[in-house]
Amino acid sequence: MLVVYIAIFYFLKMRPEKKRKKEQEEMKKALAPGDSVTMIDGIIGNVCAVKDKTIVIETGADRVRLEYAHWAIMEKGVSVDQVQK
């Protein structure tokens, strides 16, 4: 009976989490200059440079550049122009 509970826990909790982590890592590895990203603190910008452990993003028309660690990327694909409209 305990084995059944462990199997259910694995398929409902652990497996989807591993899949999500793998997708996040692939997305972070595929980042290139020009891609738009949203950071975990809500800042949206375009990638200017990708380094080993950090990325540099440029935000808005004022062209402010910020450097973030890779783990701070929340999602890819939201552009600055879409939010400002």
Foldseek 3Di string as FASTA:
>chain_A
DVVVVVVVCCVPPVVVVVVVVVVLVVVLVPDDFQWWFAFQVGFIFTWHADDDFWTWGFGDPVRDIDIDGSVRTDDTDDYNVVVVD
